[in-house]
């Protein structure tokens, strides 16, 4: 999963935790007959194969092996991993659907900050205080940093303007020519998916262009940080990437972007009558924040080192059989890439990405294999994207340049870091209440004793942090799925501990415990959803009150 936009600028690293051997349990979950019947006019399907998680784990072991070297986008390791995926697809007769066989080539630019020629100063009362990169501040290389900036600072709350919720952090605030200082998070008054959308890098950049702001500094809220600052700074020298196509540059016009150490946040607030303790506690409770001018400015200079890299998405097709529906596609997506080789933690420098996202790749791969011989009305498209960890780049490229007609894609189901690390009792569905896909997944999951739930932590902006978001912005109903938990539960504690010790760390490897029955149940649900959506005559549709319906209307108007 891509890093939260508050630190959208760098990959985060964690200390390696003590690990155990995976639990290779063998427990089959047989689908009840109700799942084999699709809604509406869909035909009854043959009995689906059951999964036990073992084949899934074998795929994970290949994809997350040290030989794959962390699957960095454009690396030989990722090429080896993608070759394995293609070979597996070929073996079960999945057809190539890329622009070059199974492959869809993409050109990227990498960006690295030359810290020897970069720096910043905080100016207060005419006095300059030199800032240390890594201690107080970390520059973002997710944007084309201007060589020099000199701009006043202004605190703009969460940095949101959401007309649909009558919410505006910029009401009465002059930000033209200034750098915005923001707290990560979103207010509870705005529905999670809507707040996440407006928190995205593209929306922030659009708003900044509209308001004439120069750039932004985000202070991570310590009450909701997935990782501590001390670990975030370790990865600041890992190159960022951008698609080498200016039309797909969604941060155009942003001259400066950075994150600020929350332990040093009172440096920015001094003299305002506010403290970071006050601000962060308001953010913890997701309350509206004050916004006010800061009697300070920032001077910065940045030198970016840029190179060219090529990589590819993998696209395969399982043809449908219905003459009227076979030219429509149910898309299943997962990102194959991870963050490659990085600074060593406890002597290990390979960031294997077993759960993030060899697990999701393997789940979609095994579901695709299980559909061999299945007579589906619609076609199924399996899309294994690259560049997710660099800002959802592979899926952005595919959504802009699909290898099938864009209007023919009826749905996207995305699998990213679904975390089968405890028994599956519920399923988190990002986008649950936005389209009829939410109704479908709820029906399917219920048939195997699993309930669905919306995002329990909307302040983390998961809705926009994986590849389904790029399909949504093209008007395609989409979901992302993850093993669920209740707030305050042991399972929630396990997820948070996993994030703290393994997320974007070498310890997300093959030695960690996994729950194979949970993985098996996840595969069963995903497969059943594939069958249902492929065989239901009516296309999935956005709910009438969904904000994201407008993207479908825009696409229809543009055709």
Protein backbone atom coordinates (compact mmCIF):
# COMPACT_ATOMS: atom_id res chain seq x y z
CA UNK A 1 0.00 0.00 0.00
CA UNK A 2 1.16 3.47 -0.88
CA UNK A 3 2.34 5.69 1.97
CA UNK A 4 -0.23 8.09 3.41
CA UNK A 5 -0.29 11.46 1.59
CA UNK A 6 0.87 13.32 4.72
CA UNK A 7 4.27 11.78 4.02
CA UNK A 8 3.41 11.24 0.39
CA UNK A 9 6.96 12.11 -0.26
CA UNK A 10 8.88 9.13 0.90
CA UNK A 11 8.74 5.47 1.71
CA UNK A 12 8.73 4.64 5.43
CA UNK A 13 11.01 2.12 7.06
CA UNK A 14 10.69 0.12 10.23
CA UNK A 15 12.96 -1.80 12.54
CA UNK A 16 12.89 -5.49 11.95
CA UNK A 17 10.76 -7.25 14.54
CA UNK A 18 11.15 -10.75 15.91
CA UNK A 19 9.35 -13.15 13.59
CA UNK A 20 7.95 -16.65 13.68
CA UNK A 21 7.54 -19.34 11.12
CA UNK A 22 4.31 -19.11 9.11
CA UNK A 23 1.51 -21.32 10.25
CA UNK A 24 0.69 -23.60 7.36
CA UNK A 25 -2.77 -24.69 8.34
CA UNK A 26 -4.92 -26.71 6.00
CA UNK A 27 -8.58 -25.85 6.33
CA UNK A 28 -10.98 -25.73 3.44
CA UNK A 29 -13.94 -23.41 3.24
CA UNK A 30 -16.62 -24.78 0.93
CA UNK A 31 -18.79 -22.21 -0.76
CA UNK A 32 -22.48 -22.59 0.02
CA UNK A 33 -24.83 -22.95 -2.89
CA UNK A 34 -26.14 -19.41 -2.41
CA UNK A 35 -22.85 -17.93 -3.62
CA UNK A 36 -22.99 -20.00 -6.77
CA UNK A 37 -26.21 -18.31 -7.79
CA UNK A 38 -25.78 -14.81 -9.18
CA UNK A 39 -28.35 -12.11 -8.75
CA UNK A 40 -30.78 -10.89 -11.40
CA UNK A 41 -30.76 -12.90 -14.60
CA UNK A 42 -27.37 -14.52 -13.97
CA UNK A 43 -27.08 -18.22 -14.66
CA UNK A 44 -26.23 -20.89 -12.09
CA UNK A 45 -22.54 -21.65 -12.09
CA UNK A 46 -20.66 -24.91 -11.58
CA UNK A 47 -19.34 -25.66 -8.11
CA UNK A 48 -16.38 -23.41 -7.40
CA UNK A 49 -13.09 -24.95 -6.32
CA UNK A 50 -12.26 -24.45 -2.67
CA UNK A 51 -9.02 -22.83 -1.55
CA UNK A 52 -6.82 -23.78 1.38
CA UNK A 53 -4.25 -20.98 1.11
CA UNK A 54 -1.34 -23.26 0.26
CA UNK A 55 -1.11 -22.39 -3.44
CA UNK A 56 -1.46 -18.73 -2.49
CA UNK A 57 1.43 -19.06 -0.04
CA UNK A 58 3.60 -20.77 -2.65
CA UNK A 59 3.09 -17.77 -4.95
CA UNK A 60 3.90 -15.39 -2.11
CA UNK A 61 7.10 -17.33 -1.39
CA UNK A 62 8.23 -16.87 -4.98
CA UNK A 63 7.26 -13.21 -5.28
CA UNK A 64 8.71 -12.19 -1.90
CA UNK A 65 11.87 -14.27 -2.14
CA UNK A 66 15.16 -12.45 -1.62
CA UNK A 67 15.92 -13.22 -5.28
CA UNK A 68 13.28 -10.67 -6.27
CA UNK A 69 15.24 -7.97 -4.37
CA UNK A 70 12.14 -6.18 -3.12
CA UNK A 71 10.58 -5.72 -6.59
CA UNK A 72 11.47 -2.04 -7.01
CA UNK A 73 9.75 -0.54 -10.06
CA UNK A 74 12.04 -0.81 -13.07
CA UNK A 75 14.44 -3.21 -11.34
CA UNK A 76 15.59 -6.66 -12.54
CA UNK A 77 13.88 -8.09 -9.46
CA UNK A 78 10.49 -6.75 -10.50
CA UNK A 79 11.05 -8.03 -14.02
CA UNK A 80 11.67 -11.52 -12.60
CA UNK A 81 8.54 -11.29 -10.47
CA UNK A 82 6.45 -10.16 -13.42
CA UNK A 83 7.87 -12.96 -15.57
CA UNK A 84 6.65 -15.43 -12.93
CA UNK A 85 3.15 -13.88 -13.01
CA UNK A 86 3.05 -14.07 -16.81
CA UNK A 87 4.20 -17.69 -16.79
CA UNK A 88 1.48 -18.61 -14.29
CA UNK A 89 -1.16 -16.87 -16.40
CA UNK A 90 0.00 -18.65 -19.54
CA UNK A 91 -0.21 -22.04 -17.87
CA UNK A 92 -3.98 -21.67 -17.31
CA UNK A 93 -4.74 -20.10 -20.68
CA UNK A 94 -5.21 -16.48 -19.64
CA UNK A 95 -4.82 -14.40 -22.77
CA UNK A 96 -2.43 -11.45 -23.11
CA UNK A 97 -4.18 -8.07 -23.08
CA UNK A 98 -1.34 -5.59 -22.82
CA UNK A 99 0.00 -3.31 -25.52
CA UNK A 100 2.99 -5.63 -25.89
CA UNK A 101 1.66 -9.12 -25.21
CA UNK A 102 1.03 -9.33 -21.48
CA UNK A 103 3.07 -6.18 -20.88
CA UNK A 104 2.12 -2.52 -20.93
CA UNK A 105 5.43 -0.61 -20.94
CA UNK A 106 5.67 2.67 -18.99
CA UNK A 107 8.43 5.28 -18.91
CA UNK A 108 9.26 6.94 -15.59
CA UNK A 109 11.51 9.67 -14.24
CA UNK A 110 13.20 9.13 -10.89
CA UNK A 111 13.84 12.00 -8.50
CA UNK A 112 16.44 12.10 -5.72
CA UNK A 113 17.31 15.09 -3.57
CA UNK A 114 20.96 16.10 -3.59
CA UNK A 115 21.19 17.09 0.07
CA UNK A 116 24.66 18.54 -0.37
CA UNK A 117 23.11 21.25 -2.55
CA UNK A 118 19.76 21.55 -0.77
CA UNK A 119 18.65 23.12 2.49
CA UNK A 120 16.16 25.34 4.28
CA UNK A 121 15.98 28.15 6.81
CA UNK A 122 13.12 29.27 9.06
CA UNK A 123 12.96 33.07 9.16
CA UNK A 124 11.43 34.68 12.28
CA UNK A 125 11.67 38.36 13.24
CA UNK A 126 14.33 38.81 10.59
CA UNK A 127 16.52 36.07 12.02
CA UNK A 128 17.33 32.89 10.09
CA UNK A 129 17.48 29.50 11.76
CA UNK A 130 19.05 26.77 9.67
CA UNK A 131 16.94 23.63 9.44
CA UNK A 132 18.48 20.18 9.42
CA UNK A 133 17.09 17.81 6.80
CA UNK A 134 15.95 14.74 8.68
CA UNK A 135 15.82 16.43 12.07
CA UNK A 136 13.27 19.20 11.58
CA UNK A 137 12.25 18.75 7.95
CA UNK A 138 12.20 16.23 5.09
CA UNK A 139 11.74 17.47 1.53
CA UNK A 140 9.28 15.73 -0.75
CA UNK A 141 10.63 14.39 -4.01
CA UNK A 142 7.11 13.48 -5.14
CA UNK A 143 6.92 16.97 -6.67
CA UNK A 144 9.20 18.94 -9.00
CA UNK A 145 10.78 21.09 -6.31
CA UNK A 146 11.66 24.62 -7.37
CA UNK A 147 15.38 25.43 -7.13
CA UNK A 148 14.60 28.30 -4.72
CA UNK A 149 11.63 29.51 -2.71
CA UNK A 150 11.23 32.32 -0.19
CA UNK A 151 7.69 32.50 1.13
CA UNK A 152 5.66 33.34 4.26
CA UNK A 153 4.02 30.53 6.21
CA UNK A 154 0.34 30.17 7.09
CA UNK A 155 -1.39 27.46 9.14
CA UNK A 156 -4.36 26.14 7.16
CA UNK A 157 -5.70 23.37 9.40
CA UNK A 158 -6.13 20.14 7.45
CA UNK A 159 -5.81 22.04 4.16
CA UNK A 160 -9.27 21.04 2.94
CA UNK A 161 -11.94 22.81 0.96
CA UNK A 162 -14.96 20.52 0.53
CA UNK A 163 -17.96 22.34 -0.97
CA UNK A 164 -20.18 19.24 -0.64
CA UNK A 165 -19.72 19.34 3.14
CA UNK A 166 -19.73 23.14 3.47
CA UNK A 167 -16.21 22.91 4.88
CA UNK A 168 -13.38 25.34 4.12
CA UNK A 169 -10.06 25.59 5.95
CA UNK A 170 -9.25 28.61 3.75
CA UNK A 171 -12.25 30.75 4.64
CA UNK A 172 -10.92 34.28 5.23
CA UNK A 173 -7.30 33.12 4.95
CA UNK A 174 -4.84 34.79 2.56
CA UNK A 175 -2.55 32.10 1.17
CA UNK A 176 -1.44 33.63 -2.12
CA UNK A 177 2.33 33.35 -2.50
CA UNK A 178 2.61 31.44 0.78
CA UNK A 179 3.57 27.97 1.97
CA UNK A 180 0.76 26.18 3.78
CA UNK A 181 1.44 24.43 7.08
CA UNK A 182 -1.04 21.58 7.57
CA UNK A 183 -1.83 18.89 10.12
CA UNK A 184 -2.36 15.40 8.72
CA UNK A 185 -5.83 13.97 9.07
CA UNK A 186 -9.42 14.86 8.28
CA UNK A 187 -12.38 16.19 10.29
CA UNK A 188 -15.13 13.83 11.41
CA UNK A 189 -17.76 16.09 9.86
CA UNK A 190 -16.78 14.94 6.35
CA UNK A 191 -17.49 11.36 5.20
CA UNK A 192 -14.26 9.34 4.98
CA UNK A 193 -14.11 8.71 1.20
CA UNK A 194 -14.95 12.33 0.43
CA UNK A 195 -12.37 13.67 2.88
CA UNK A 196 -9.76 11.26 1.52
CA UNK A 197 -10.44 12.40 -2.04
CA UNK A 198 -9.95 16.04 -1.16
CA UNK A 199 -6.80 15.09 0.80
CA UNK A 200 -5.17 13.55 -2.27
CA UNK A 201 -2.03 15.05 -3.75
CA UNK A 202 -3.85 15.91 -6.99
CA UNK A 203 -6.65 17.77 -5.17
CA UNK A 204 -4.20 19.59 -2.91
CA UNK A 205 -2.20 20.68 -5.95
CA UNK A 206 -5.34 21.79 -7.82
CA UNK A 207 -6.47 23.86 -4.84
CA UNK A 208 -3.03 25.40 -4.38
CA UNK A 209 -2.96 26.45 -8.03
CA UNK A 210 -6.42 27.95 -7.60
CA UNK A 211 -5.43 29.86 -4.44
CA UNK A 212 -1.97 30.83 -5.63
CA UNK A 213 -0.12 29.04 -2.81
CA UNK A 214 3.53 28.12 -3.33
CA UNK A 215 3.66 24.76 -1.56
CA UNK A 216 2.91 22.95 1.69
CA UNK A 217 4.48 21.47 4.80
CA UNK A 218 2.58 18.65 6.50
CA UNK A 219 3.01 17.87 10.18
CA UNK A 220 2.11 14.22 10.91
CA UNK A 221 -0.27 13.96 13.85
CA UNK A 222 1.51 11.81 16.47
CA UNK A 223 -1.85 10.41 17.59
CA UNK A 224 -2.47 8.81 14.20
CA UNK A 225 1.03 8.30 12.74
CA UNK A 226 1.49 4.83 11.32
CA UNK A 227 5.21 5.10 11.93
CA UNK A 228 7.46 7.30 14.11
CA UNK A 229 9.44 10.15 12.60
CA UNK A 230 12.73 8.45 13.39
CA UNK A 231 11.87 5.69 10.93
CA UNK A 232 10.37 7.93 8.26
CA UNK A 233 13.58 9.85 7.77
CA UNK A 234 15.55 6.67 7.07
CA UNK A 235 13.95 6.35 3.64
CA UNK A 236 14.28 9.91 2.45
CA UNK A 237 17.08 9.02 0.01
CA UNK A 238 15.07 6.33 -1.77
CA UNK A 239 14.23 7.76 -5.22
CA UNK A 240 10.70 8.85 -5.98
CA UNK A 241 9.21 8.42 -9.44
CA UNK A 242 6.91 10.22 -11.83
CA UNK A 243 5.38 9.06 -15.09
CA UNK A 244 7.42 10.58 -17.90
CA UNK A 245 4.35 12.26 -19.36
CA UNK A 246 3.54 15.80 -18.29
CA UNK A 247 -0.18 15.25 -18.95
CA UNK A 248 -0.16 12.77 -16.04
CA UNK A 249 1.67 15.08 -13.63
CA UNK A 250 -1.01 15.68 -10.99
CA UNK A 251 1.18 17.88 -8.75
CA UNK A 252 2.01 20.38 -11.48
CA UNK A 253 2.62 23.85 -10.11
CA UNK A 254 3.60 22.79 -6.58
CA UNK A 255 6.99 24.41 -5.97
CA UNK A 256 7.67 23.04 -2.52
CA UNK A 257 6.47 20.11 -0.40
CA UNK A 258 7.84 18.71 2.83
CA UNK A 259 7.03 17.00 6.11
CA UNK A 260 7.90 18.49 9.51
CA UNK A 261 8.95 16.62 12.62
CA UNK A 262 5.97 16.81 15.03
CA UNK A 263 8.38 16.97 17.96
CA UNK A 264 9.64 20.26 16.53
CA UNK A 265 6.24 21.67 15.49
CA UNK A 266 6.18 24.38 18.15
CA UNK A 267 9.02 26.05 16.26
CA UNK A 268 6.42 26.93 13.64
CA UNK A 269 3.66 27.90 16.08
CA UNK A 270 5.72 30.03 18.46
CA UNK A 271 4.16 33.47 19.01
CA UNK A 272 0.75 32.53 17.61
CA UNK A 273 -0.96 31.77 20.93
CA UNK A 274 -1.38 28.16 19.83
CA UNK A 275 0.64 25.07 20.77
CA UNK A 276 1.11 21.85 18.88
CA UNK A 277 -0.27 19.92 21.83
CA UNK A 278 -3.53 21.84 21.43
CA UNK A 279 -3.61 21.42 17.63
CA UNK A 280 -2.71 17.73 17.62
CA UNK A 281 -5.35 16.91 20.26
CA UNK A 282 -8.02 18.61 18.17
CA UNK A 283 -6.80 16.51 15.25
CA UNK A 284 -6.90 13.36 17.37
CA UNK A 285 -10.60 13.97 17.99
CA UNK A 286 -11.03 14.93 14.31
CA UNK A 287 -12.38 18.35 15.24
CA UNK A 288 -12.19 21.42 13.06
CA UNK A 289 -8.83 23.19 13.40
CA UNK A 290 -8.10 26.90 13.63
CA UNK A 291 -6.33 28.61 10.76
CA UNK A 292 -4.10 31.62 11.10
CA UNK A 293 -1.07 33.42 9.69
CA UNK A 294 2.36 32.52 11.05
CA UNK A 295 4.82 35.35 11.65
CA UNK A 296 7.49 33.32 9.90
CA UNK A 297 8.71 32.45 6.44
CA UNK A 298 10.78 29.72 4.89
CA UNK A 299 13.69 29.91 2.49
CA UNK A 300 14.65 26.71 0.70
CA UNK A 301 16.84 25.56 -2.11
CA UNK A 302 16.55 22.15 -3.74
CA UNK A 303 18.64 20.25 -6.23
CA UNK A 304 16.95 17.24 -7.80
CA UNK A 305 18.85 14.46 -9.54
CA UNK A 306 16.68 12.87 -12.22
CA UNK A 307 17.11 9.72 -14.30
CA UNK A 308 14.94 7.68 -16.67
CA UNK A 309 13.52 4.24 -15.84
CA UNK A 310 11.25 1.85 -17.74
CA UNK A 311 8.88 -0.69 -16.24
CA UNK A 312 5.55 -2.30 -17.14
CA UNK A 313 2.08 -3.32 -16.01
CA UNK A 314 0.92 -6.89 -16.66
CA UNK A 315 -2.53 -7.30 -18.24
CA UNK A 316 -4.33 -10.59 -18.92
CA UNK A 317 -7.82 -11.48 -20.11
CA UNK A 318 -10.22 -14.32 -19.37
CA UNK A 319 -12.74 -14.06 -22.24
CA UNK A 320 -16.45 -14.00 -21.53
CA UNK A 321 -18.92 -16.15 -23.43
CA UNK A 322 -22.11 -14.10 -23.68
CA UNK A 323 -22.45 -12.41 -27.11
CA UNK A 324 -23.93 -9.28 -25.53
CA UNK A 325 -21.63 -9.01 -22.52
CA UNK A 326 -18.29 -10.55 -23.49
CA UNK A 327 -16.88 -7.18 -24.59
CA UNK A 328 -17.37 -5.79 -21.08
CA UNK A 329 -14.75 -6.36 -18.39
CA UNK A 330 -14.63 -6.99 -14.67
CA UNK A 331 -11.18 -5.76 -13.64
CA UNK A 332 -9.16 -7.27 -10.80
CA UNK A 333 -6.08 -5.29 -9.84
CA UNK A 334 -3.10 -5.68 -7.52
CA UNK A 335 0.31 -4.05 -7.44
CA UNK A 336 3.35 -6.25 -7.92
CA UNK A 337 5.99 -3.70 -6.97
CA UNK A 338 7.47 -2.92 -3.59
CA UNK A 339 10.31 -0.60 -2.52
CA UNK A 340 13.34 -2.72 -3.40
CA UNK A 341 16.64 -2.61 -1.55
CA UNK A 342 17.09 0.07 1.11
CA UNK A 343 18.97 0.93 4.27
CA UNK A 344 19.68 -2.16 6.35
CA UNK A 345 17.54 -2.77 9.43
CA UNK A 346 18.93 -5.40 11.78
CA UNK A 347 21.32 -6.41 9.01
CA UNK A 348 18.62 -6.94 6.35
CA UNK A 349 18.38 -4.53 3.41
CA UNK A 350 15.86 -6.38 1.19
CA UNK A 351 12.32 -5.04 1.56
CA UNK A 352 10.54 -8.20 0.45
CA UNK A 353 6.96 -6.91 0.55
CA UNK A 354 5.32 -10.25 1.35
CA UNK A 355 2.03 -8.78 2.58
CA UNK A 356 2.54 -5.54 0.60
CA UNK A 357 1.77 -6.75 -1.94
CA UNK A 358 2.93 -10.23 -2.94
CA UNK A 359 -0.12 -11.36 -0.95
CA UNK A 360 -2.58 -9.40 -3.08
CA UNK A 361 -0.84 -10.35 -6.30
CA UNK A 362 -0.96 -14.03 -5.34
CA UNK A 363 -4.65 -13.83 -4.39
CA UNK A 364 -5.65 -12.39 -7.78
CA UNK A 365 -3.35 -14.86 -9.53
CA UNK A 366 -4.96 -17.84 -7.80
CA UNK A 367 -8.47 -16.54 -8.45
CA UNK A 368 -7.57 -16.17 -12.14
CA UNK A 369 -6.29 -19.75 -12.19
CA UNK A 370 -9.50 -21.01 -10.55
CA UNK A 371 -11.61 -19.46 -13.32
CA UNK A 372 -10.11 -21.73 -15.97
CA UNK A 373 -12.98 -23.45 -17.75
CA UNK A 374 -15.59 -21.22 -16.11
CA UNK A 375 -18.20 -19.91 -18.54
CA UNK A 376 -18.54 -16.28 -17.52
CA UNK A 377 -20.78 -13.86 -19.36
CA UNK A 378 -18.43 -10.91 -19.08
CA UNK A 379 -14.71 -11.04 -19.60
CA UNK A 380 -12.35 -10.70 -16.65
CA UNK A 381 -9.29 -8.47 -16.87
CA UNK A 382 -6.44 -9.10 -14.41
CA UNK A 383 -4.14 -6.10 -14.08
CA UNK A 384 -0.90 -6.37 -12.10
CA UNK A 385 0.45 -2.84 -11.87
CA UNK A 386 3.84 -1.37 -11.08
CA UNK A 387 4.72 1.92 -9.44
CA UNK A 388 2.07 1.79 -6.72
CA UNK A 389 4.58 2.53 -3.98
CA UNK A 390 5.70 5.59 -5.96
CA UNK A 391 2.25 7.19 -5.95
CA UNK A 392 -0.18 4.77 -7.69
CA UNK A 393 1.67 5.42 -10.95
CA UNK A 394 1.08 2.15 -12.83
CA UNK A 395 -2.66 2.22 -12.27
CA UNK A 396 -2.77 5.92 -13.13
CA UNK A 397 -1.13 5.13 -16.45
CA UNK A 398 -3.41 2.16 -17.10
CA UNK A 399 -6.54 4.14 -16.24
CA UNK A 400 -5.43 6.88 -18.64
CA UNK A 401 -4.34 4.42 -21.35
CA UNK A 402 -6.39 1.24 -20.83
CA UNK A 403 -5.68 -1.66 -23.16
CA UNK A 404 -9.44 -2.23 -23.55
CA UNK A 405 -12.07 0.48 -24.14
CA UNK A 406 -12.45 2.48 -20.93
CA UNK A 407 -16.26 2.44 -21.10
CA UNK A 408 -16.15 -1.38 -21.29
CA UNK A 409 -14.65 -1.72 -17.79
CA UNK A 410 -17.66 -2.16 -15.51
CA UNK A 411 -15.88 -2.54 -12.15
CA UNK A 412 -12.50 -2.76 -10.47
CA UNK A 413 -11.80 -4.96 -7.44
CA UNK A 414 -8.42 -4.14 -5.91
CA UNK A 415 -6.39 -6.28 -3.53
CA UNK A 416 -3.58 -4.62 -1.62
CA UNK A 417 -2.02 -5.71 1.66
CA UNK A 418 -5.15 -7.54 2.82
CA UNK A 419 -3.28 -8.87 5.89
CA UNK A 420 -4.33 -12.48 6.56
CA UNK A 421 -2.61 -12.39 9.93
CA UNK A 422 -5.65 -13.47 11.99
CA UNK A 423 -8.89 -15.38 11.27
CA UNK A 424 -11.24 -13.55 8.91
CA UNK A 425 -14.50 -12.57 10.60
CA UNK A 426 -15.09 -9.32 8.77
CA UNK A 427 -13.96 -7.58 5.63
CA UNK A 428 -13.03 -3.91 5.42
CA UNK A 429 -14.38 -2.57 2.13
CA UNK A 430 -13.04 0.78 0.98
CA UNK A 431 -15.88 2.26 -1.07
CA UNK A 432 -18.54 0.08 0.59
CA UNK A 433 -21.29 2.70 0.49
CA UNK A 434 -20.47 4.30 -2.84
CA UNK A 435 -21.84 1.83 -5.42
CA UNK A 436 -23.82 -1.37 -5.91
CA UNK A 437 -20.52 -3.23 -5.71
CA UNK A 438 -20.82 -2.71 -1.96
CA UNK A 439 -24.13 -4.56 -1.99
CA UNK A 440 -22.59 -7.38 -4.02
CA UNK A 441 -19.58 -7.88 -1.75
CA UNK A 442 -21.82 -7.75 1.33
CA UNK A 443 -24.02 -10.51 -0.09
CA UNK A 444 -21.05 -12.66 -1.09
CA UNK A 445 -19.21 -12.24 2.21
CA UNK A 446 -22.33 -12.95 4.26
CA UNK A 447 -22.72 -16.30 2.49
CA UNK A 448 -19.44 -17.46 4.03
CA UNK A 449 -20.09 -15.98 7.44
CA UNK A 450 -18.12 -12.78 6.98
CA UNK A 451 -19.59 -9.33 7.57
CA UNK A 452 -18.49 -6.23 5.71
CA UNK A 453 -17.53 -2.93 7.31
CA UNK A 454 -16.47 0.53 6.16
CA UNK A 455 -13.02 1.94 6.88
CA UNK A 456 -12.57 1.96 10.70
CA UNK A 457 -9.76 4.54 10.45
CA UNK A 458 -10.80 7.14 7.85
CA UNK A 459 -8.17 9.59 9.09
CA UNK A 460 -5.53 7.33 7.49
CA UNK A 461 -6.99 8.06 4.03
CA UNK A 462 -6.81 4.43 2.90
CA UNK A 463 -9.54 5.13 0.34
CA UNK A 464 -7.08 7.03 -1.88
CA UNK A 465 -3.93 5.06 -1.08
CA UNK A 466 -4.27 2.14 -3.44
CA UNK A 467 -4.92 1.51 -7.10
CA UNK A 468 -8.72 1.38 -7.13
CA UNK A 469 -8.71 5.16 -6.69
CA UNK A 470 -7.42 5.72 -10.23
CA UNK A 471 -10.28 3.63 -11.62
CA UNK A 472 -12.77 5.61 -9.52
CA UNK A 473 -11.47 8.87 -10.99
CA UNK A 474 -12.26 7.44 -14.43
CA UNK A 475 -15.86 6.80 -13.39
CA UNK A 476 -15.51 3.04 -12.81
CA UNK A 477 -17.14 1.66 -9.63
CA UNK A 478 -14.37 0.15 -7.54
CA UNK A 479 -13.60 -1.43 -4.19
CA UNK A 480 -10.53 -2.37 -2.19
CA UNK A 481 -10.71 -5.23 0.32
CA UNK A 482 -8.85 -6.02 3.53
CA UNK A 483 -9.15 -8.39 6.51
CA UNK A 484 -11.37 -6.56 9.00
CA UNK A 485 -11.36 -5.83 12.72
CA UNK A 486 -13.39 -4.04 15.35
CA UNK A 487 -12.11 -0.93 17.07
CA UNK A 488 -10.45 -1.80 20.37
CA UNK A 489 -10.11 -5.49 19.46
CA UNK A 490 -7.10 -7.78 19.63
CA UNK A 491 -7.17 -7.88 15.82
CA UNK A 492 -6.85 -4.11 15.65
CA UNK A 493 -3.85 -4.29 17.96
CA UNK A 494 -2.28 -6.89 15.68
CA UNK A 495 -2.78 -4.67 12.62
CA UNK A 496 -1.21 -1.69 14.36
CA UNK A 497 1.71 -3.77 15.61
CA UNK A 498 2.20 -5.18 12.11
CA UNK A 499 2.28 -1.66 10.68
CA UNK A 500 4.68 -0.48 13.34
CA UNK A 501 7.15 -3.33 12.95
CA UNK A 502 6.75 -4.64 9.39
CA UNK A 503 5.08 -2.10 7.07
CA UNK A 504 7.67 -1.02 4.49
CA UNK A 505 10.34 -2.86 6.43
CA UNK A 506 12.55 -5.87 5.64
CA UNK A 507 10.54 -7.82 8.23
CA UNK A 508 7.55 -7.92 5.86
CA UNK A 509 9.10 -11.15 4.67
CA UNK A 510 8.47 -14.88 4.47
CA UNK A 511 9.28 -15.53 8.11
CA UNK A 512 6.25 -13.74 9.53
CA UNK A 513 3.18 -15.60 10.78
CA UNK A 514 0.29 -15.90 8.34
CA UNK A 515 -3.22 -17.34 8.69
CA UNK A 516 -3.74 -19.57 5.67
CA UNK A 517 -7.45 -20.17 6.35
CA UNK A 518 -7.98 -16.39 6.33
CA UNK A 519 -6.20 -16.15 2.98
CA UNK A 520 -8.30 -19.03 1.67
CA UNK A 521 -11.54 -17.38 2.76
CA UNK A 522 -10.43 -14.13 1.14
CA UNK A 523 -9.80 -15.97 -2.14
CA UNK A 524 -13.24 -17.61 -1.94
CA UNK A 525 -14.92 -14.23 -1.49
CA UNK A 526 -12.98 -12.57 -4.31
CA UNK A 527 -13.74 -15.43 -6.67
CA UNK A 528 -17.43 -15.44 -5.82
CA UNK A 529 -17.55 -11.69 -6.39
CA UNK A 530 -15.89 -12.15 -9.78
CA UNK A 531 -18.52 -14.70 -10.78
CA UNK A 532 -21.40 -12.57 -9.54
CA UNK A 533 -20.35 -9.34 -11.26
CA UNK A 534 -19.37 -11.14 -14.47
CA UNK A 535 -22.69 -12.98 -14.71
CA UNK A 536 -25.13 -10.28 -13.64
CA UNK A 537 -26.68 -8.59 -16.67
CA UNK A 538 -26.84 -5.14 -15.06
CA UNK A 539 -23.57 -3.26 -14.68
CA UNK A 540 -22.54 -2.06 -11.22
CA UNK A 541 -23.63 1.54 -10.71
CA UNK A 542 -22.76 4.41 -8.40
CA UNK A 543 -25.33 5.21 -5.75
CA UNK A 544 -27.23 8.38 -6.53
CA UNK A 545 -25.80 10.17 -3.49
CA UNK A 546 -22.18 9.20 -4.12
CA UNK A 547 -19.82 12.08 -4.78
CA UNK A 548 -17.88 9.86 -7.19
CA UNK A 549 -20.86 9.39 -9.51
CA UNK A 550 -19.82 12.65 -11.19
CA UNK A 551 -16.74 10.97 -12.66
CA UNK A 552 -18.91 8.43 -14.49
CA UNK A 553 -21.12 11.27 -15.75
CA UNK A 554 -18.03 13.18 -16.93
CA UNK A 555 -16.78 10.11 -18.81
CA UNK A 556 -20.18 9.57 -20.45
CA UNK A 557 -20.34 13.22 -21.49
CA UNK A 558 -16.86 12.95 -22.99
CA UNK A 559 -17.63 9.96 -25.17
